[in-house]
Amino acid sequence: ISKEEPVNRQYKLLRDELQKLALIVSKKPAWDS
């Protein structure tokens, strides 16, 4: 279905990046100031 999505290619690229950040967050890395 993802091949049929009527969205700009940039949308899909940003969604991929969002998934990457979500994966990092799920590992709960230390992020002190």
ModelCIF file with pLDDT and N, C-alpha, C, O atoms, coordinates in Angstrom:
data_MODEL
#
_entry.id   MODEL 
#
_entity.id                         1 
_entity.type                       polymer 
_entity.pdbx_number_of_molecules   1 
#
_entity_poly.entity_id                      1 
_entity_poly.type                           'polypeptide(L)' 
_entity_poly.nstd_linkage                   no 
_entity_poly.nstd_monomer                   no 
_entity_poly.pdbx_seq_one_letter_code       ISKEEPVNRQYKLLRDELQKLALIVSKKPAWDS 
_entity_poly.pdbx_seq_one_letter_code_can   ISKEEPVNRQYKLLRDELQKLALIVSKKPAWDS 
_entity_poly.pdbx_strand_id                 A 
#
loop_
_entity_poly_seq.entity_id 
_entity_poly_seq.num 
_entity_poly_seq.mon_id 
_entity_poly_seq.hetero 
1 1  ILE n 
1 2  SER n 
1 3  LYS n 
1 4  GLU n 
1 5  GLU n 
1 6  PRO n 
1 7  VAL n 
1 8  ASN n 
1 9  ARG n 
1 10 GLN n 
1 11 TYR n 
1 12 LYS n 
1 13 LEU n 
1 14 LEU n 
1 15 ARG n 
1 16 ASP n 
1 17 GLU n 
1 18 LEU n 
1 19 GLN n 
1 20 LYS n 
1 21 LEU n 
1 22 ALA n 
1 23 LEU n 
1 24 ILE n 
1 25 VAL n 
1 26 SER n 
1 27 LYS n 
1 28 LYS n 
1 29 PRO n 
1 30 ALA n 
1 31 TRP n 
1 32 ASP n 
1 33 SER n 
#
_struct_asym.id          A 
_struct_asym.entity_id   1 
#
loop_
_ma_qa_metric.id 
_ma_qa_metric.mode 
_ma_qa_metric.name 
_ma_qa_metric.software_group_id 
_ma_qa_metric.type 
1 global pLDDT . pLDDT 
2 local  pLDDT . pLDDT 
#
_ma_qa_metric_global.metric_id      1 
_ma_qa_metric_global.metric_value   92.00 
_ma_qa_metric_global.model_id       1 
_ma_qa_metric_global.ordinal_id     1 
#
loop_
_ma_qa_metric_local.label_asym_id 
_ma_qa_metric_local.label_comp_id 
_ma_qa_metric_local.label_seq_id 
_ma_qa_metric_local.metric_id 
_ma_qa_metric_local.metric_value 
_ma_qa_metric_local.model_id 
_ma_qa_metric_local.ordinal_id 
A ILE 1  2 83.00 1 1  
A SER 2  2 81.00 1 2  
A LYS 3  2 82.00 1 3  
A GLU 4  2 84.00 1 4  
A GLU 5  2 89.00 1 5  
A PRO 6  2 92.00 1 6  
A VAL 7  2 93.00 1 7  
A ASN 8  2 94.00 1 8  
A ARG 9  2 94.00 1 9  
A GLN 10 2 96.00 1 10 
A TYR 11 2 95.00 1 11 
A LYS 12 2 93.00 1 12 
A LEU 13 2 96.00 1 13 
A LEU 14 2 96.00 1 14 
A ARG 15 2 93.00 1 15 
A ASP 16 2 94.00 1 16 
A GLU 17 2 96.00 1 17 
A LEU 18 2 95.00 1 18 
A GLN 19 2 92.00 1 19 
A LYS 20 2 95.00 1 20 
A LEU 21 2 96.00 1 21 
A ALA 22 2 93.00 1 22 
A LEU 23 2 93.00 1 23 
A ILE 24 2 95.00 1 24 
A VAL 25 2 95.00 1 25 
A SER 26 2 93.00 1 26 
A LYS 27 2 92.00 1 27 
A LYS 28 2 93.00 1 28 
A PRO 29 2 93.00 1 29 
A ALA 30 2 90.00 1 30 
A TRP 31 2 92.00 1 31 
A ASP 32 2 87.00 1 32 
A SER 33 2 91.00 1 33 
#
loop_
_atom_site.group_PDB 
_atom_site.id 
_atom_site.type_symbol 
_atom_site.label_atom_id 
_atom_site.label_alt_id 
_atom_site.label_comp_id 
_atom_site.label_asym_id 
_atom_site.label_entity_id 
_atom_site.label_seq_id 
_atom_site.pdbx_PDB_ins_code 
_atom_site.Cartn_x 
_atom_site.Cartn_y 
_atom_site.Cartn_z 
_atom_site.occupancy 
_atom_site.B_iso_or_equiv 
_atom_site.pdbx_formal_charge 
_atom_site.auth_seq_id 
_atom_site.auth_comp_id 
_atom_site.auth_asym_id 
_atom_site.auth_atom_id 
_atom_site.pdbx_PDB_model_num 
ATOM 1   N N  . ILE A 1 1  ? 0.832  -1.200 0.000  1.00 83.00 ? 1  ILE A N  1 
ATOM 2   C CA . ILE A 1 1  ? 0.000  0.000  0.000  1.00 83.00 ? 1  ILE A CA 1 
ATOM 3   C C  . ILE A 1 1  ? 0.870  1.255  0.000  1.00 83.00 ? 1  ILE A C  1 
ATOM 4   O O  . ILE A 1 1  ? 0.489  2.278  -0.568 1.00 83.00 ? 1  ILE A O  1 
ATOM 5   N N  . SER A 1 2  ? 2.034  1.175  0.635  1.00 81.00 ? 2  SER A N  1 
ATOM 6   C CA . SER A 1 2  ? 2.909  2.349  0.722  1.00 81.00 ? 2  SER A CA 1 
ATOM 7   C C  . SER A 1 2  ? 3.316  2.858  -0.653 1.00 81.00 ? 2  SER A C  1 
ATOM 8   O O  . SER A 1 2  ? 3.606  4.043  -0.816 1.00 81.00 ? 2  SER A O  1 
ATOM 9   N N  . LYS A 1 3  ? 3.341  1.956  -1.661 1.00 82.00 ? 3  LYS A N  1 
ATOM 10  C CA . LYS A 1 3  ? 3.694  2.390  -3.010 1.00 82.00 ? 3  LYS A CA 1 
ATOM 11  C C  . LYS A 1 3  ? 2.585  3.216  -3.641 1.00 82.00 ? 3  LYS A C  1 
ATOM 12  O O  . LYS A 1 3  ? 2.825  3.980  -4.577 1.00 82.00 ? 3  LYS A O  1 
ATOM 13  N N  . GLU A 1 4  ? 1.375  3.061  -3.126 1.00 84.00 ? 4  GLU A N  1 
ATOM 14  C CA . GLU A 1 4  ? 0.225  3.772  -3.684 1.00 84.00 ? 4  GLU A CA 1 
ATOM 15  C C  . GLU A 1 4  ? -0.037 5.094  -2.958 1.00 84.00 ? 4  GLU A C  1 
ATOM 16  O O  . GLU A 1 4  ? -0.882 5.878  -3.391 1.00 84.00 ? 4  GLU A O  1 
ATOM 17  N N  . GLU A 1 5  ? 0.672  5.345  -1.872 1.00 89.00 ? 5  GLU A N  1 
ATOM 18  C CA . GLU A 1 5  ? 0.385  6.535  -1.077 1.00 89.00 ? 5  GLU A CA 1 
ATOM 19  C C  . GLU A 1 5  ? 0.490  7.815  -1.916 1.00 89.00 ? 5  GLU A C  1 
ATOM 20  O O  . GLU A 1 5  ? 1.506  8.031  -2.577 1.00 89.00 ? 5  GLU A O  1 
ATOM 21  N N  . PRO A 1 6  ? -0.539 8.661  -1.899 1.00 92.00 ? 6  PRO A N  1 
ATOM 22  C CA . PRO A 1 6  ? -0.491 9.917  -2.659 1.00 92.00 ? 6  PRO A CA 1 
ATOM 23  C C  . PRO A 1 6  ? 0.196  11.029 -1.872 1.00 92.00 ? 6  PRO A C  1 
ATOM 24  O O  . PRO A 1 6  ? -0.415 12.044 -1.539 1.00 92.00 ? 6  PRO A O  1 
ATOM 25  N N  . VAL A 1 7  ? 1.470  10.818 -1.584 1.00 93.00 ? 7  VAL A N  1 
ATOM 26  C CA . VAL A 1 7  ? 2.234  11.807 -0.822 1.00 93.00 ? 7  VAL A CA 1 
ATOM 27  C C  . VAL A 1 7  ? 3.557  12.086 -1.525 1.00 93.00 ? 7  VAL A C  1 
ATOM 28  O O  . VAL A 1 7  ? 4.094  11.242 -2.243 1.00 93.00 ? 7  VAL A O  1 
ATOM 29  N N  . ASN A 1 8  ? 4.057  13.274 -1.302 1.00 94.00 ? 8  ASN A N  1 
ATOM 30  C CA . ASN A 1 8  ? 5.334  13.673 -1.865 1.00 94.00 ? 8  ASN A CA 1 
ATOM 31  C C  . ASN A 1 8  ? 6.459  12.788 -1.331 1.00 94.00 ? 8  ASN A C  1 
ATOM 32  O O  . ASN A 1 8  ? 6.403  12.304 -0.201 1.00 94.00 ? 8  ASN A O  1 
ATOM 33  N N  . ARG A 1 9  ? 7.472  12.586 -2.158 1.00 94.00 ? 9  ARG A N  1 
ATOM 34  C CA . ARG A 1 9  ? 8.598  11.733 -1.761 1.00 94.00 ? 9  ARG A CA 1 
ATOM 35  C C  . ARG A 1 9  ? 9.239  12.233 -0.469 1.00 94.00 ? 9  ARG A C  1 
ATOM 36  O O  . ARG A 1 9  ? 9.695  11.430 0.345  1.00 94.00 ? 9  ARG A O  1 
ATOM 37  N N  . GLN A 1 10 ? 9.277  13.552 -0.273 1.00 96.00 ? 10 GLN A N  1 
ATOM 38  C CA . GLN A 1 10 ? 9.861  14.091 0.951  1.00 96.00 ? 10 GLN A CA 1 
ATOM 39  C C  . GLN A 1 10 ? 9.101  13.620 2.189  1.00 96.00 ? 10 GLN A C  1 
ATOM 40  O O  . GLN A 1 10 ? 9.699  13.418 3.246  1.00 96.00 ? 10 GLN A O  1 
ATOM 41  N N  . TYR A 1 11 ? 7.799  13.446 2.064  1.00 95.00 ? 11 TYR A N  1 
ATOM 42  C CA . TYR A 1 11 ? 7.000  12.955 3.182  1.00 95.00 ? 11 TYR A CA 1 
ATOM 43  C C  . TYR A 1 11 ? 7.495  11.577 3.620  1.00 95.00 ? 11 TYR A C  1 
ATOM 44  O O  . TYR A 1 11 ? 7.669  11.318 4.811  1.00 95.00 ? 11 TYR A O  1 
ATOM 45  N N  . LYS A 1 12 ? 7.718  10.700 2.644  1.00 93.00 ? 12 LYS A N  1 
ATOM 46  C CA . LYS A 1 12 ? 8.176  9.353  2.962  1.00 93.00 ? 12 LYS A CA 1 
ATOM 47  C C  . LYS A 1 12 ? 9.579  9.370  3.563  1.00 93.00 ? 12 LYS A C  1 
ATOM 48  O O  . LYS A 1 12 ? 9.884  8.596  4.470  1.00 93.00 ? 12 LYS A O  1 
ATOM 49  N N  . LEU A 1 13 ? 10.426 10.256 3.051  1.00 96.00 ? 13 LEU A N  1 
ATOM 50  C CA . LEU A 1 13 ? 11.785 10.366 3.594  1.00 96.00 ? 13 LEU A CA 1 
ATOM 51  C C  . LEU A 1 13 ? 11.758 10.838 5.045  1.00 96.00 ? 13 LEU A C  1 
ATOM 52  O O  . LEU A 1 13 ? 12.498 10.326 5.886  1.00 96.00 ? 13 LEU A O  1 
ATOM 53  N N  . LEU A 1 14 ? 10.896 11.822 5.335  1.00 96.00 ? 14 LEU A N  1 
ATOM 54  C CA . LEU A 1 14 ? 10.802 12.310 6.710  1.00 96.00 ? 14 LEU A CA 1 
ATOM 55  C C  . LEU A 1 14 ? 10.196 11.248 7.630  1.00 96.00 ? 14 LEU A C  1 
ATOM 56  O O  . LEU A 1 14 ? 10.586 11.135 8.792  1.00 96.00 ? 14 LEU A O  1 
ATOM 57  N N  . ARG A 1 15 ? 9.251  10.477 7.113  1.00 93.00 ? 15 ARG A N  1 
ATOM 58  C CA . ARG A 1 15 ? 8.674  9.402  7.929  1.00 93.00 ? 15 ARG A CA 1 
ATOM 59  C C  . ARG A 1 15 ? 9.736  8.359  8.266  1.00 93.00 ? 15 ARG A C  1 
ATOM 60  O O  . ARG A 1 15 ? 9.761  7.837  9.380  1.00 93.00 ? 15 ARG A O  1 
ATOM 61  N N  . ASP A 1 16 ? 10.611 8.055  7.311  1.00 94.00 ? 16 ASP A N  1 
ATOM 62  C CA . ASP A 1 16 ? 11.713 7.125  7.590  1.00 94.00 ? 16 ASP A CA 1 
ATOM 63  C C  . ASP A 1 16 ? 12.625 7.681  8.678  1.00 94.00 ? 16 ASP A C  1 
ATOM 64  O O  . ASP A 1 16 ? 13.061 6.950  9.567  1.00 94.00 ? 16 ASP A O  1 
ATOM 65  N N  . GLU A 1 17 ? 12.911 8.986  8.601  1.00 96.00 ? 17 GLU A N  1 
ATOM 66  C CA . GLU A 1 17 ? 13.765 9.607  9.616  1.00 96.00 ? 17 GLU A CA 1 
ATOM 67  C C  . GLU A 1 17 ? 13.072 9.629  10.971 1.00 96.00 ? 17 GLU A C  1 
ATOM 68  O O  . GLU A 1 17 ? 13.720 9.479  12.007 1.00 96.00 ? 17 GLU A O  1 
ATOM 69  N N  . LEU A 1 18 ? 11.772 9.814  10.965 1.00 95.00 ? 18 LEU A N  1 
ATOM 70  C CA . LEU A 1 18 ? 11.014 9.789  12.213 1.00 95.00 ? 18 LEU A CA 1 
ATOM 71  C C  . LEU A 1 18 ? 11.118 8.419  12.879 1.00 95.00 ? 18 LEU A C  1 
ATOM 72  O O  . LEU A 1 18 ? 11.258 8.320  14.098 1.00 95.00 ? 18 LEU A O  1 
ATOM 73  N N  . GLN A 1 19 ? 11.048 7.376  12.073 1.00 92.00 ? 19 GLN A N  1 
ATOM 74  C CA . GLN A 1 19 ? 11.180 6.025  12.614 1.00 92.00 ? 19 GLN A CA 1 
ATOM 75  C C  . GLN A 1 19 ? 12.572 5.799  13.201 1.00 92.00 ? 19 GLN A C  1 
ATOM 76  O O  . GLN A 1 19 ? 12.717 5.129  14.224 1.00 92.00 ? 19 GLN A O  1 
ATOM 77  N N  . LYS A 1 20 ? 13.594 6.360  12.552 1.00 95.00 ? 20 LYS A N  1 
ATOM 78  C CA . LYS A 1 20 ? 14.957 6.223  13.074 1.00 95.00 ? 20 LYS A CA 1 
ATOM 79  C C  . LYS A 1 20 ? 15.091 6.909  14.430 1.00 95.00 ? 20 LYS A C  1 
ATOM 80  O O  . LYS A 1 20 ? 15.685 6.354  15.355 1.00 95.00 ? 20 LYS A O  1 
ATOM 81  N N  . LEU A 1 21 ? 14.535 8.124  14.547 1.00 96.00 ? 21 LEU A N  1 
ATOM 82  C CA . LEU A 1 21 ? 14.614 8.833  15.824 1.00 96.00 ? 21 LEU A CA 1 
ATOM 83  C C  . LEU A 1 21 ? 13.805 8.103  16.897 1.00 96.00 ? 21 LEU A C  1 
ATOM 84  O O  . LEU A 1 21 ? 14.219 8.030  18.054 1.00 96.00 ? 21 LEU A O  1 
ATOM 85  N N  . ALA A 1 22 ? 12.648 7.563  16.503 1.00 93.00 ? 22 ALA A N  1 
ATOM 86  C CA . ALA A 1 22 ? 11.836 6.819  17.474 1.00 93.00 ? 22 ALA A CA 1 
ATOM 87  C C  . ALA A 1 22 ? 12.597 5.608  18.000 1.00 93.00 ? 22 ALA A C  1 
ATOM 88  O O  . ALA A 1 22 ? 12.486 5.267  19.178 1.00 93.00 ? 22 ALA A O  1 
ATOM 89  N N  . LEU A 1 23 ? 13.366 4.958  17.133 1.00 93.00 ? 23 LEU A N  1 
ATOM 90  C CA . LEU A 1 23 ? 14.159 3.800  17.551 1.00 93.00 ? 23 LEU A CA 1 
ATOM 91  C C  . LEU A 1 23 ? 15.232 4.222  18.550 1.00 93.00 ? 23 LEU A C  1 
ATOM 92  O O  . LEU A 1 23 ? 15.472 3.528  19.539 1.00 93.00 ? 23 LEU A O  1 
ATOM 93  N N  . ILE A 1 24 ? 15.876 5.359  18.291 1.00 95.00 ? 24 ILE A N  1 
ATOM 94  C CA . ILE A 1 24 ? 16.898 5.848  19.237 1.00 95.00 ? 24 ILE A CA 1 
ATOM 95  C C  . ILE A 1 24 ? 16.262 6.158  20.584 1.00 95.00 ? 24 ILE A C  1 
ATOM 96  O O  . ILE A 1 24 ? 16.789 5.780  21.631 1.00 95.00 ? 24 ILE A O  1 
ATOM 97  N N  . VAL A 1 25 ? 15.113 6.856  20.549 1.00 95.00 ? 25 VAL A N  1 
ATOM 98  C CA . VAL A 1 25 ? 14.432 7.230  21.791 1.00 95.00 ? 25 VAL A CA 1 
ATOM 99  C C  . VAL A 1 25 ? 14.027 5.987  22.585 1.00 95.00 ? 25 VAL A C  1 
ATOM 100 O O  . VAL A 1 25 ? 14.080 5.984  23.815 1.00 95.00 ? 25 VAL A O  1 
ATOM 101 N N  . SER A 1 26 ? 13.624 4.935  21.874 1.00 93.00 ? 26 SER A N  1 
ATOM 102 C CA . SER A 1 26 ? 13.192 3.708  22.559 1.00 93.00 ? 26 SER A CA 1 
ATOM 103 C C  . SER A 1 26 ? 14.308 3.077  23.382 1.00 93.00 ? 26 SER A C  1 
ATOM 104 O O  . SER A 1 26 ? 14.043 2.332  24.326 1.00 93.00 ? 26 SER A O  1 
ATOM 105 N N  . LYS A 1 27 ? 15.559 3.375  23.023 1.00 92.00 ? 27 LYS A N  1 
ATOM 106 C CA . LYS A 1 27 ? 16.712 2.835  23.753 1.00 92.00 ? 27 LYS A CA 1 
ATOM 107 C C  . LYS A 1 27 ? 17.056 3.687  24.971 1.00 92.00 ? 27 LYS A C  1 
ATOM 108 O O  . LYS A 1 27 ? 17.930 3.328  25.761 1.00 92.00 ? 27 LYS A O  1 
ATOM 109 N N  . LYS A 1 28 ? 16.361 4.821  25.119 1.00 93.00 ? 28 LYS A N  1 
ATOM 110 C CA . LYS A 1 28 ? 16.504 5.714  26.272 1.00 93.00 ? 28 LYS A CA 1 
ATOM 111 C C  . LYS A 1 28 ? 17.966 6.096  26.550 1.00 93.00 ? 28 LYS A C  1 
ATOM 112 O O  . LYS A 1 28 ? 18.473 5.859  27.646 1.00 93.00 ? 28 LYS A O  1 
ATOM 113 N N  . PRO A 1 29 ? 18.633 6.682  25.563 1.00 93.00 ? 29 PRO A N  1 
ATOM 114 C CA . PRO A 1 29 ? 20.022 7.100  25.802 1.00 93.00 ? 29 PRO A CA 1 
ATOM 115 C C  . PRO A 1 29 ? 20.080 8.299  26.748 1.00 93.00 ? 29 PRO A C  1 
ATOM 116 O O  . PRO A 1 29 ? 19.141 9.093  26.812 1.00 93.00 ? 29 PRO A O  1 
ATOM 117 N N  . ALA A 1 30 ? 21.176 8.426  27.476 1.00 90.00 ? 30 ALA A N  1 
ATOM 118 C CA . ALA A 1 30 ? 21.360 9.597  28.334 1.00 90.00 ? 30 ALA A CA 1 
ATOM 119 C C  . ALA A 1 30 ? 21.453 10.833 27.464 1.00 90.00 ? 30 ALA A C  1 
ATOM 120 O O  . ALA A 1 30 ? 22.157 10.832 26.454 1.00 90.00 ? 30 ALA A O  1 
ATOM 121 N N  . TRP A 1 31 ? 20.747 11.891 27.845 1.00 92.00 ? 31 TRP A N  1 
ATOM 122 C CA . TRP A 1 31 ? 20.721 13.106 27.018 1.00 92.00 ? 31 TRP A CA 1 
ATOM 123 C C  . TRP A 1 31 ? 20.772 14.335 27.923 1.00 92.00 ? 31 TRP A C  1 
ATOM 124 O O  . TRP A 1 31 ? 19.921 15.220 27.840 1.00 92.00 ? 31 TRP A O  1 
ATOM 125 N N  . ASP A 1 32 ? 21.773 14.370 28.776 1.00 87.00 ? 32 ASP A N  1 
ATOM 126 C CA . ASP A 1 32 ? 21.913 15.482 29.713 1.00 87.00 ? 32 ASP A CA 1 
ATOM 127 C C  . ASP A 1 32 ? 22.350 16.742 28.991 1.00 87.00 ? 32 ASP A C  1 
ATOM 128 O O  . ASP A 1 32 ? 22.923 16.679 27.903 1.00 87.00 ? 32 ASP A O  1 
ATOM 129 N N  . SER A 1 33 ? 22.077 17.886 29.599 1.00 91.00 ? 33 SER A N  1 
ATOM 130 C CA . SER A 1 33 ? 22.459 19.171 29.015 1.00 91.00 ? 33 SER A CA 1 
ATOM 131 C C  . SER A 1 33 ? 23.968 19.370 29.126 1.00 91.00 ? 33 SER A C  1 
ATOM 132 O O  . SER A 1 33 ? 24.490 20.396 28.690 1.00 91.00 ? 33 SER A O  1 
#
